[in-house]
Amino acid sequence: MPAPALAVHPLVIATPHIGGLTRPAVEHQALETVSQVGALLRGEMPPGAVNPQQATRLARWKARE
């Protein structure tokens, strides 16, 4: 919940979570997912991965080669 002062501010337009679900956003998310899976299949860490030092399963994928 936003602070009451923020919720009533005249420059704030509150939208539900789906407010960002535009066609360009959906396309970007889909292509980004494909890119990340491709990196994983090549044994690479996807760009922008959060906490990559904790990605222990990637080493197991590489061991299968």
PDB file of N, CA and C in Angstrom:
ATOM      1  N   MET A   1       0.841  -1.183   0.000  1.00  0.00           N
ATOM      2  CA  MET A   1       0.000   0.000   0.000  1.00  0.00           C
ATOM      3  C   MET A   1       0.885   1.245   0.000  1.00  0.00           C
ATOM      4  N   PRO A   2       0.587   2.178  -0.884  1.00  0.00           N
ATOM      5  CA  PRO A   2       1.357   3.417  -0.876  1.00  0.00           C
ATOM      6  C   PRO A   2       0.953   4.280   0.318  1.00  0.00           C
ATOM      7  N   ALA A   3       1.849   5.156   0.677  1.00  0.00           N
ATOM      8  CA  ALA A   3       1.549   6.106   1.750  1.00  0.00           C
ATOM      9  C   ALA A   3       0.377   6.971   1.289  1.00  0.00           C
ATOM     10  N   PRO A   4      -0.502   7.347   2.200  1.00  0.00           N
ATOM     11  CA  PRO A   4      -1.657   8.169   1.817  1.00  0.00           C
ATOM     12  C   PRO A   4      -1.268   9.439   1.068  1.00  0.00           C
ATOM     13  N   ALA A   5      -0.181  10.076   1.490  1.00  0.00           N
ATOM     14  CA  ALA A   5       0.238  11.308   0.809  1.00  0.00           C
ATOM     15  C   ALA A   5       0.603  11.034  -0.644  1.00  0.00           C
ATOM     16  N   LEU A   6       1.234   9.896  -0.901  1.00  0.00           N
ATOM     17  CA  LEU A   6       1.590   9.538  -2.271  1.00  0.00           C
ATOM     18  C   LEU A   6       0.346   9.192  -3.079  1.00  0.00           C
ATOM     19  N   ALA A   7      -0.571   8.474  -2.479  1.00  0.00           N
ATOM     20  CA  ALA A   7      -1.779   8.034  -3.178  1.00  0.00           C
ATOM     21  C   ALA A   7      -2.643   9.195  -3.644  1.00  0.00           C
ATOM     22  N   VAL A   8      -2.638  10.283  -2.924  1.00  0.00           N
ATOM     23  CA  VAL A   8      -3.496  11.412  -3.296  1.00  0.00           C
ATOM     24  C   VAL A   8      -2.738  12.504  -4.038  1.00  0.00           C
ATOM     25  N   HIS A   9      -1.440  12.309  -4.276  1.00  0.00           N
ATOM     26  CA  HIS A   9      -0.648  13.328  -4.966  1.00  0.00           C
ATOM     27  C   HIS A   9      -1.178  13.514  -6.380  1.00  0.00           C
ATOM     28  N   PRO A  10      -1.321  14.755  -6.850  1.00  0.00           N
ATOM     29  CA  PRO A  10      -1.919  14.996  -8.171  1.00  0.00           C
ATOM     30  C   PRO A  10      -1.072  14.487  -9.346  1.00  0.00           C
ATOM     31  N   LEU A  11       0.206  14.239  -9.141  1.00  0.00           N
ATOM     32  CA  LEU A  11       1.050  13.756 -10.233  1.00  0.00           C
ATOM     33  C   LEU A  11       1.187  12.240 -10.247  1.00  0.00           C
ATOM     34  N   VAL A  12       0.485  11.553  -9.361  1.00  0.00           N
ATOM     35  CA  VAL A  12       0.565  10.101  -9.284  1.00  0.00           C
ATOM     36  C   VAL A  12      -0.655   9.479  -9.944  1.00  0.00           C
ATOM     37  N   ILE A  13      -0.404   8.537 -10.827  1.00  0.00           N
ATOM     38  CA  ILE A  13      -1.480   7.757 -11.431  1.00  0.00           C
ATOM     39  C   ILE A  13      -1.249   6.316 -11.010  1.00  0.00           C
ATOM     40  N   ALA A  14      -2.085   5.799 -10.173  1.00  0.00           N
ATOM     41  CA  ALA A  14      -1.939   4.428  -9.693  1.00  0.00           C
ATOM     42  C   ALA A  14      -2.615   3.474 -10.673  1.00  0.00           C
ATOM     43  N   THR A  15      -1.908   2.402 -11.010  1.00  0.00           N
ATOM     44  CA  THR A  15      -2.468   1.388 -11.893  1.00  0.00           C
ATOM     45  C   THR A  15      -2.293   0.028 -11.233  1.00  0.00           C
ATOM     46  N   PRO A  16      -3.138  -0.915 -11.561  1.00  0.00           N
ATOM     47  CA  PRO A  16      -2.923  -2.267 -11.033  1.00  0.00           C
ATOM     48  C   PRO A  16      -1.654  -2.851 -11.639  1.00  0.00           C
ATOM     49  N   HIS A  17      -1.200  -3.959 -11.108  1.00  0.00           N
ATOM     50  CA  HIS A  17       0.030  -4.595 -11.575  1.00  0.00           C
ATOM     51  C   HIS A  17       0.000  -4.824 -13.086  1.00  0.00           C
ATOM     52  N   ILE A  18      -1.120  -5.097 -13.640  1.00  0.00           N
ATOM     53  CA  ILE A  18      -1.234  -5.382 -15.076  1.00  0.00           C
ATOM     54  C   ILE A  18      -1.048  -4.115 -15.923  1.00  0.00           C
ATOM     55  N   GLY A  19      -0.942  -2.964 -15.283  1.00  0.00           N
ATOM     56  CA  GLY A  19      -0.767  -1.709 -16.015  1.00  0.00           C
ATOM     57  C   GLY A  19       0.461  -1.698 -16.912  1.00  0.00           C
ATOM     58  N   GLY A  20       1.485  -2.486 -16.582  1.00  0.00           N
ATOM     59  CA  GLY A  20       2.693  -2.542 -17.406  1.00  0.00           C
ATOM     60  C   GLY A  20       2.677  -3.642 -18.433  1.00  0.00           C
ATOM     61  N   LEU A  21       1.564  -4.322 -18.585  1.00  0.00           N
ATOM     62  CA  LEU A  21       1.471  -5.457 -19.491  1.00  0.00           C
ATOM     63  C   LEU A  21       1.068  -4.980 -20.887  1.00  0.00           C
ATOM     64  N   THR A  22       2.012  -4.321 -21.538  1.00  0.00           N
ATOM     65  CA  THR A  22       1.769  -3.828 -22.890  1.00  0.00           C
ATOM     66  C   THR A  22       2.351  -4.808 -23.899  1.00  0.00           C
ATOM     67  N   ARG A  23       1.963  -4.690 -25.146  1.00  0.00           N
ATOM     68  CA  ARG A  23       2.497  -5.581 -26.179  1.00  0.00           C
ATOM     69  C   ARG A  23       4.026  -5.491 -26.257  1.00  0.00           C
ATOM     70  N   PRO A  24       4.625  -4.282 -26.285  1.00  0.00           N
ATOM     71  CA  PRO A  24       6.089  -4.226 -26.321  1.00  0.00           C
ATOM     72  C   PRO A  24       6.729  -4.872 -25.089  1.00  0.00           C
ATOM     73  N   ALA A  25       6.115  -4.711 -23.924  1.00  0.00           N
ATOM     74  CA  ALA A  25       6.674  -5.314 -22.710  1.00  0.00           C
ATOM     75  C   ALA A  25       6.616  -6.832 -22.782  1.00  0.00           C
ATOM     76  N   VAL A  26       5.512  -7.365 -23.257  1.00  0.00           N
ATOM     77  CA  VAL A  26       5.363  -8.822 -23.378  1.00  0.00           C
ATOM     78  C   VAL A  26       6.374  -9.373 -24.391  1.00  0.00           C
ATOM     79  N   GLU A  27       6.542  -8.696 -25.518  1.00  0.00           N
ATOM     80  CA  GLU A  27       7.510  -9.135 -26.523  1.00  0.00           C
ATOM     81  C   GLU A  27       8.924  -9.122 -25.949  1.00  0.00           C
ATOM     82  N   HIS A  28       9.266  -8.044 -25.240  1.00  0.00           N
ATOM     83  CA  HIS A  28      10.592  -7.943 -24.645  1.00  0.00           C
ATOM     84  C   HIS A  28      10.831  -9.064 -23.634  1.00  0.00           C
ATOM     85  N   GLN A  29       9.853  -9.325 -22.796  1.00  0.00           N
ATOM     86  CA  GLN A  29       9.989 -10.378 -21.780  1.00  0.00           C
ATOM     87  C   GLN A  29      10.173 -11.742 -22.441  1.00  0.00           C
ATOM     88  N   ALA A  30       9.410 -11.998 -23.499  1.00  0.00           N
ATOM     89  CA  ALA A  30       9.519 -13.289 -24.189  1.00  0.00           C
ATOM     90  C   ALA A  30      10.893 -13.458 -24.826  1.00  0.00           C
ATOM     91  N   LEU A  31      11.359 -12.439 -25.527  1.00  0.00           N
ATOM     92  CA  LEU A  31      12.663 -12.527 -26.182  1.00  0.00           C
ATOM     93  C   LEU A  31      13.798 -12.598 -25.155  1.00  0.00           C
ATOM     94  N   GLU A  32      13.652 -11.898 -24.048  1.00  0.00           N
ATOM     95  CA  GLU A  32      14.658 -11.947 -22.990  1.00  0.00           C
ATOM     96  C   GLU A  32      14.728 -13.344 -22.379  1.00  0.00           C
ATOM     97  N   THR A  33      13.581 -13.963 -22.191  1.00  0.00           N
ATOM     98  CA  THR A  33      13.555 -15.326 -21.646  1.00  0.00           C
ATOM     99  C   THR A  33      14.266 -16.287 -22.585  1.00  0.00           C
ATOM    100  N   VAL A  34      13.991 -16.203 -23.880  1.00  0.00           N
ATOM    101  CA  VAL A  34      14.642 -17.072 -24.865  1.00  0.00           C
ATOM    102  C   VAL A  34      16.156 -16.839 -24.844  1.00  0.00           C
ATOM    103  N   SER A  35      16.569 -15.603 -24.752  1.00  0.00           N
ATOM    104  CA  SER A  35      17.990 -15.274 -24.700  1.00  0.00           C
ATOM    105  C   SER A  35      18.654 -15.867 -23.459  1.00  0.00           C
ATOM    106  N   GLN A  36      17.986 -15.769 -22.325  1.00  0.00           N
ATOM    107  CA  GLN A  36      18.542 -16.304 -21.082  1.00  0.00           C
ATOM    108  C   GLN A  36      18.637 -17.830 -21.112  1.00  0.00           C
ATOM    109  N   VAL A  37      17.623 -18.479 -21.638  1.00  0.00           N
ATOM    110  CA  VAL A  37      17.670 -19.944 -21.740  1.00  0.00           C
ATOM    111  C   VAL A  37      18.787 -20.355 -22.696  1.00  0.00           C
ATOM    112  N   GLY A  38      18.961 -19.629 -23.784  1.00  0.00           N
ATOM    113  CA  GLY A  38      20.052 -19.917 -24.707  1.00  0.00           C
ATOM    114  C   GLY A  38      21.403 -19.827 -24.022  1.00  0.00           C
ATOM    115  N   ALA A  39      21.598 -18.803 -23.212  1.00  0.00           N
ATOM    116  CA  ALA A  39      22.857 -18.654 -22.467  1.00  0.00           C
ATOM    117  C   ALA A  39      23.061 -19.839 -21.535  1.00  0.00           C
ATOM    118  N   LEU A  40      22.027 -20.242 -20.838  1.00  0.00           N
ATOM    119  CA  LEU A  40      22.139 -21.389 -19.930  1.00  0.00           C
ATOM    120  C   LEU A  40      22.500 -22.659 -20.680  1.00  0.00           C
ATOM    121  N   LEU A  41      21.886 -22.868 -21.835  1.00  0.00           N
ATOM    122  CA  LEU A  41      22.171 -24.072 -22.617  1.00  0.00           C
ATOM    123  C   LEU A  41      23.606 -24.082 -23.148  1.00  0.00           C
ATOM    124  N   ARG A  42      24.180 -22.893 -23.328  1.00  0.00           N
ATOM    125  CA  ARG A  42      25.578 -22.797 -23.754  1.00  0.00           C
ATOM    126  C   ARG A  42      26.529 -22.879 -22.559  1.00  0.00           C
ATOM    127  N   GLY A  43      25.968 -23.004 -21.350  1.00  0.00           N
ATOM    128  CA  GLY A  43      26.787 -23.068 -20.139  1.00  0.00           C
ATOM    129  C   GLY A  43      27.256 -21.716 -19.661  1.00  0.00           C
ATOM    130  N   GLU A  44      26.587 -20.668 -20.093  1.00  0.00           N
ATOM    131  CA  GLU A  44      26.954 -19.303 -19.718  1.00  0.00           C
ATOM    132  C   GLU A  44      25.971 -18.753 -18.693  1.00  0.00           C
ATOM    133  N   MET A  45      26.436 -17.781 -17.940  1.00  0.00           N
ATOM    134  CA  MET A  45      25.560 -17.078 -17.008  1.00  0.00           C
ATOM    135  C   MET A  45      24.808 -16.016 -17.803  1.00  0.00           C
ATOM    136  N   PRO A  46      23.481 -15.990 -17.710  1.00  0.00           N
ATOM    137  CA  PRO A  46      22.729 -14.981 -18.441  1.00  0.00           C
ATOM    138  C   PRO A  46      23.076 -13.574 -17.943  1.00  0.00           C
ATOM    139  N   PRO A  47      23.156 -12.602 -18.842  1.00  0.00           N
ATOM    140  CA  PRO A  47      23.401 -11.225 -18.416  1.00  0.00           C
ATOM    141  C   PRO A  47      22.313 -10.774 -17.447  1.00  0.00           C
ATOM    142  N   GLY A  48      22.711 -10.053 -16.434  1.00  0.00           N
ATOM    143  CA  GLY A  48      21.742  -9.516 -15.479  1.00  0.00           C
ATOM    144  C   GLY A  48      21.301 -10.514 -14.423  1.00  0.00           C
ATOM    145  N   ALA A  49      21.927 -11.683 -14.371  1.00  0.00           N
ATOM    146  CA  ALA A  49      21.548 -12.682 -13.370  1.00  0.00           C
ATOM    147  C   ALA A  49      21.775 -12.113 -11.968  1.00  0.00           C
ATOM    148  N   VAL A  50      20.845 -12.364 -11.091  1.00  0.00           N
ATOM    149  CA  VAL A  50      20.952 -11.906  -9.713  1.00  0.00           C
ATOM    150  C   VAL A  50      21.688 -12.984  -8.919  1.00  0.00           C
ATOM    151  N   ASN A  51      22.689 -12.583  -8.151  1.00  0.00           N
ATOM    152  CA  ASN A  51      23.488 -13.498  -7.329  1.00  0.00           C
ATOM    153  C   ASN A  51      24.086 -14.645  -8.151  1.00  0.00           C
ATOM    154  N   PRO A  52      24.796 -14.353  -9.236  1.00  0.00           N
ATOM    155  CA  PRO A  52      25.329 -15.442 -10.063  1.00  0.00           C
ATOM    156  C   PRO A  52      26.297 -16.348  -9.309  1.00  0.00           C
ATOM    157  N   GLN A  53      26.937 -15.846  -8.279  1.00  0.00           N
ATOM    158  CA  GLN A  53      27.864 -16.674  -7.505  1.00  0.00           C
ATOM    159  C   GLN A  53      27.131 -17.792  -6.762  1.00  0.00           C
ATOM    160  N   GLN A  54      25.822 -17.688  -6.639  1.00  0.00           N
ATOM    161  CA  GLN A  54      25.028 -18.712  -5.974  1.00  0.00           C
ATOM    162  C   GLN A  54      24.406 -19.703  -6.959  1.00  0.00           C
ATOM    163  N   ALA A  55      24.700 -19.559  -8.231  1.00  0.00           N
ATOM    164  CA  ALA A  55      24.092 -20.401  -9.265  1.00  0.00           C
ATOM    165  C   ALA A  55      24.818 -21.740  -9.339  1.00  0.00           C
ATOM    166  N   THR A  56      24.556 -22.609  -8.413  1.00  0.00           N
ATOM    167  CA  THR A  56      25.261 -23.893  -8.356  1.00  0.00           C
ATOM    168  C   THR A  56      24.747 -24.880  -9.396  1.00  0.00           C
ATOM    169  N   ARG A  57      23.517 -24.749  -9.834  1.00  0.00           N
ATOM    170  CA  ARG A  57      22.984 -25.706 -10.809  1.00  0.00           C
ATOM    171  C   ARG A  57      23.625 -25.555 -12.178  1.00  0.00           C
ATOM    172  N   LEU A  58      24.147 -24.364 -12.497  1.00  0.00           N
ATOM    173  CA  LEU A  58      24.792 -24.165 -13.793  1.00  0.00           C
ATOM    174  C   LEU A  58      26.002 -25.089 -13.918  1.00  0.00           C
ATOM    175  N   ALA A  59      26.747 -25.282 -12.833  1.00  0.00           N
ATOM    176  CA  ALA A  59      27.908 -26.181 -12.869  1.00  0.00           C
ATOM    177  C   ALA A  59      27.479 -27.617 -13.157  1.00  0.00           C
ATOM    178  N   ARG A  60      26.316 -28.013 -12.630  1.00  0.00           N
ATOM    179  CA  ARG A  60      25.823 -29.370 -12.908  1.00  0.00           C
ATOM    180  C   ARG A  60      25.466 -29.540 -14.368  1.00  0.00           C
ATOM    181  N   TRP A  61      24.934 -28.503 -15.006  1.00  0.00           N
ATOM    182  CA  TRP A  61      24.608 -28.568 -16.437  1.00  0.00           C
ATOM    183  C   TRP A  61      25.889 -28.736 -17.237  1.00  0.00           C
ATOM    184  N   LYS A  62      26.931 -27.976 -16.862  1.00  0.00           N
ATOM    185  CA  LYS A  62      28.197 -28.061 -17.594  1.00  0.00           C
ATOM    186  C   LYS A  62      28.806 -29.450 -17.453  1.00  0.00           C
ATOM    187  N   ALA A  63      28.629 -30.081 -16.315  1.00  0.00           N
ATOM    188  CA  ALA A  63      29.209 -31.408 -16.069  1.00  0.00           C
ATOM    189  C   ALA A  63      28.606 -32.480 -16.967  1.00  0.00           C
ATOM    190  N   ARG A  64      27.414 -32.245 -17.516  1.00  0.00           N
ATOM    191  CA  ARG A  64      26.742 -33.232 -18.370  1.00  0.00           C
ATOM    192  C   ARG A  64      27.341 -33.306 -19.766  1.00  0.00           C
ATOM    193  N   GLU A  65      28.090 -32.296 -20.128  1.00  0.00           N
ATOM    194  CA  GLU A  65      28.622 -32.243 -21.503  1.00  0.00           C
ATOM    195  C   GLU A  65      29.631 -33.337 -21.741  1.00  0.00           C
TER     196      GLU A  65
END
